[in-house]
Amino acid sequence: MIDFFIPPEGGPSYIDSMVILKNAKHYDRAMEFINFIHRPENYVQFLDTFRFPGFVNMEADKIRTTKPIYKAEEMENCELKLDLGEDLEKFNDLWQKIRFSAE
């Protein structure tokens, strides 16, 4: 078993996002999909599955059935990694080892 924690001094941060390409052929459908995902009754499934804090969709957070693995406030000292450069592959390899050893 692997435990997850954020050290008090912080760690790497992340942003999950959905985008639509400027010249997307089905822009309206893509927008409908994004809106669908963000409905609280749908987004709560994401929160319950991954147990992230619900600081993006507070309505979904109100109806979740799991406890987050950390509090949103714990991210205050974290830093967004914009570009890992040549270390990207090393980071990805280590993450895959951690990710699959937890299963």
C-alpha atoms as a PDB file:
ATOM      1  CA  MET A   1       0.000   0.000   0.000  1.00  0.00           C
ATOM      2  CA  ILE A   2       1.170   3.514  -0.795  1.00  0.00           C
ATOM      3  CA  ASP A   3       0.030   6.501   1.248  1.00  0.00           C
ATOM      4  CA  PHE A   4      -0.346   9.930  -0.320  1.00  0.00           C
ATOM      5  CA  PHE A   5       0.567  13.100   1.514  1.00  0.00           C
ATOM      6  CA  ILE A   6       1.702  16.621   0.755  1.00  0.00           C
ATOM      7  CA  PRO A   7       4.685  17.711   2.851  1.00  0.00           C
ATOM      8  CA  PRO A   8       4.226  21.005   4.768  1.00  0.00           C
ATOM      9  CA  GLU A   9       6.956  22.594   2.614  1.00  0.00           C
ATOM     10  CA  GLY A  10       4.900  21.798  -0.501  1.00  0.00           C
ATOM     11  CA  GLY A  11       5.440  19.794  -3.646  1.00  0.00           C
ATOM     12  CA  PRO A  12       4.450  19.793  -7.312  1.00  0.00           C
ATOM     13  CA  SER A  13       1.056  21.149  -8.261  1.00  0.00           C
ATOM     14  CA  TYR A  14      -1.122  20.324 -11.250  1.00  0.00           C
ATOM     15  CA  ILE A  15      -3.957  21.610 -13.372  1.00  0.00           C
ATOM     16  CA  ASP A  16      -6.575  19.355 -14.912  1.00  0.00           C
ATOM     17  CA  SER A  17      -8.203  21.083 -17.827  1.00  0.00           C
ATOM     18  CA  MET A  18     -10.347  20.547 -20.871  1.00  0.00           C
ATOM     19  CA  VAL A  19      -9.821  22.628 -23.970  1.00  0.00           C
ATOM     20  CA  ILE A  20     -11.449  23.032 -27.338  1.00  0.00           C
ATOM     21  CA  LEU A  21      -9.269  23.732 -30.336  1.00  0.00           C
ATOM     22  CA  LYS A  22      -9.889  27.108 -31.965  1.00  0.00           C
ATOM     23  CA  ASN A  23     -10.921  25.554 -35.277  1.00  0.00           C
ATOM     24  CA  ALA A  24     -12.738  22.543 -33.804  1.00  0.00           C
ATOM     25  CA  LYS A  25     -15.222  21.031 -36.249  1.00  0.00           C
ATOM     26  CA  HIS A  26     -17.779  20.304 -33.514  1.00  0.00           C
ATOM     27  CA  TYR A  27     -17.197  23.171 -31.096  1.00  0.00           C
ATOM     28  CA  ASP A  28     -20.779  23.119 -29.763  1.00  0.00           C
ATOM     29  CA  ARG A  29     -20.644  19.376 -29.031  1.00  0.00           C
ATOM     30  CA  ALA A  30     -17.312  19.763 -27.264  1.00  0.00           C
ATOM     31  CA  MET A  31     -18.768  22.554 -25.131  1.00  0.00           C
ATOM     32  CA  GLU A  32     -21.784  20.376 -24.301  1.00  0.00           C
ATOM     33  CA  PHE A  33     -19.437  17.586 -23.207  1.00  0.00           C
ATOM     34  CA  ILE A  34     -17.422  19.899 -20.941  1.00  0.00           C
ATOM     35  CA  ASN A  35     -20.619  21.272 -19.431  1.00  0.00           C
ATOM     36  CA  PHE A  36     -21.875  17.703 -18.911  1.00  0.00           C
ATOM     37  CA  ILE A  37     -18.705  16.681 -17.049  1.00  0.00           C
ATOM     38  CA  HIS A  38     -18.950  19.720 -14.782  1.00  0.00           C
ATOM     39  CA  ARG A  39     -22.514  19.071 -13.674  1.00  0.00           C
ATOM     40  CA  PRO A  40     -22.280  18.242  -9.958  1.00  0.00           C
ATOM     41  CA  GLU A  41     -23.964  14.841 -10.342  1.00  0.00           C
ATOM     42  CA  ASN A  42     -21.316  13.869 -12.918  1.00  0.00           C
ATOM     43  CA  TYR A  43     -18.271  15.635 -11.500  1.00  0.00           C
ATOM     44  CA  VAL A  44     -18.807  13.984  -8.116  1.00  0.00           C
ATOM     45  CA  GLN A  45     -17.909  10.664  -9.748  1.00  0.00           C
ATOM     46  CA  PHE A  46     -14.468  12.094 -10.525  1.00  0.00           C
ATOM     47  CA  LEU A  47     -14.101  13.328  -6.929  1.00  0.00           C
ATOM     48  CA  ASP A  48     -15.204  10.014  -5.442  1.00  0.00           C
ATOM     49  CA  THR A  49     -12.996   7.937  -7.744  1.00  0.00           C
ATOM     50  CA  PHE A  50      -9.767   9.912  -7.313  1.00  0.00           C
ATOM     51  CA  ARG A  51     -10.564  11.385  -3.884  1.00  0.00           C
ATOM     52  CA  PHE A  52      -9.268  14.841  -4.766  1.00  0.00           C
ATOM     53  CA  PRO A  53     -10.604  17.836  -2.862  1.00  0.00           C
ATOM     54  CA  GLY A  54     -13.491  19.548  -4.635  1.00  0.00           C
ATOM     55  CA  PHE A  55     -12.087  23.051  -4.848  1.00  0.00           C
ATOM     56  CA  VAL A  56     -13.117  23.463  -8.494  1.00  0.00           C
ATOM     57  CA  ASN A  57     -16.722  22.298  -8.276  1.00  0.00           C
ATOM     58  CA  MET A  58     -18.054  23.062  -4.815  1.00  0.00           C
ATOM     59  CA  GLU A  59     -21.563  21.769  -5.589  1.00  0.00           C
ATOM     60  CA  ALA A  60     -20.142  18.347  -6.445  1.00  0.00           C
ATOM     61  CA  ASP A  61     -18.047  18.435  -3.280  1.00  0.00           C
ATOM     62  CA  LYS A  62     -21.246  18.787  -1.234  1.00  0.00           C
ATOM     63  CA  ILE A  63     -22.613  15.457  -2.550  1.00  0.00           C
ATOM     64  CA  ARG A  64     -19.454  13.365  -2.552  1.00  0.00           C
ATOM     65  CA  THR A  65     -19.450  10.005  -0.761  1.00  0.00           C
ATOM     66  CA  THR A  66     -15.703   9.747  -0.079  1.00  0.00           C
ATOM     67  CA  LYS A  67     -13.288  11.736   2.028  1.00  0.00           C
ATOM     68  CA  PRO A  68     -10.576  13.597   0.047  1.00  0.00           C
ATOM     69  CA  ILE A  69      -7.052  12.231   0.484  1.00  0.00           C
ATOM     70  CA  TYR A  70      -5.877  15.764   1.297  1.00  0.00           C
ATOM     71  CA  LYS A  71      -7.360  19.176   1.990  1.00  0.00           C
ATOM     72  CA  ALA A  72      -7.329  21.932  -0.641  1.00  0.00           C
ATOM     73  CA  GLU A  73      -5.394  24.160   1.796  1.00  0.00           C
ATOM     74  CA  GLU A  74      -2.501  21.693   1.713  1.00  0.00           C
ATOM     75  CA  MET A  75      -1.816  22.797  -1.866  1.00  0.00           C
ATOM     76  CA  GLU A  76      -0.974  26.379  -0.793  1.00  0.00           C
ATOM     77  CA  ASN A  77       2.792  25.701  -0.656  1.00  0.00           C
ATOM     78  CA  CYS A  78       2.811  23.630  -3.832  1.00  0.00           C
ATOM     79  CA  GLU A  79       4.347  24.824  -7.057  1.00  0.00           C
ATOM     80  CA  LEU A  80       3.099  24.369 -10.605  1.00  0.00           C
ATOM     81  CA  LYS A  81       5.763  22.716 -12.758  1.00  0.00           C
ATOM     82  CA  LEU A  82       5.446  24.421 -16.123  1.00  0.00           C
ATOM     83  CA  ASP A  83       8.219  22.582 -17.965  1.00  0.00           C
ATOM     84  CA  LEU A  84      10.303  19.676 -16.731  1.00  0.00           C
ATOM     85  CA  GLY A  85      12.478  19.876 -19.846  1.00  0.00           C
ATOM     86  CA  GLU A  86      14.810  16.923 -20.243  1.00  0.00           C
ATOM     87  CA  ASP A  87      13.604  15.482 -16.913  1.00  0.00           C
ATOM     88  CA  LEU A  88      10.068  14.888 -18.237  1.00  0.00           C
ATOM     89  CA  GLU A  89      10.721  11.276 -19.236  1.00  0.00           C
ATOM     90  CA  LYS A  90      12.356  10.533 -15.865  1.00  0.00           C
ATOM     91  CA  PHE A  91       9.364  12.067 -14.059  1.00  0.00           C
ATOM     92  CA  ASN A  92       6.901  10.028 -16.168  1.00  0.00           C
ATOM     93  CA  ASP A  93       8.827   6.774 -15.606  1.00  0.00           C
ATOM     94  CA  LEU A  94       8.903   7.283 -11.833  1.00  0.00           C
ATOM     95  CA  TRP A  95       5.217   8.191 -11.765  1.00  0.00           C
ATOM     96  CA  GLN A  96       4.294   5.019 -13.683  1.00  0.00           C
ATOM     97  CA  LYS A  97       6.254   2.907 -11.181  1.00  0.00           C
ATOM     98  CA  ILE A  98       4.486   4.524  -8.240  1.00  0.00           C
ATOM     99  CA  ARG A  99       1.091   4.420  -9.927  1.00  0.00           C
ATOM    100  CA  PHE A 100       1.178   0.750 -10.864  1.00  0.00           C
ATOM    101  CA  SER A 101       2.759  -0.470  -7.638  1.00  0.00           C
ATOM    102  CA  ALA A 102      -0.314   0.809  -5.774  1.00  0.00           C
ATOM    103  CA  GLU A 103      -2.707  -1.527  -7.612  1.00  0.00           C
END
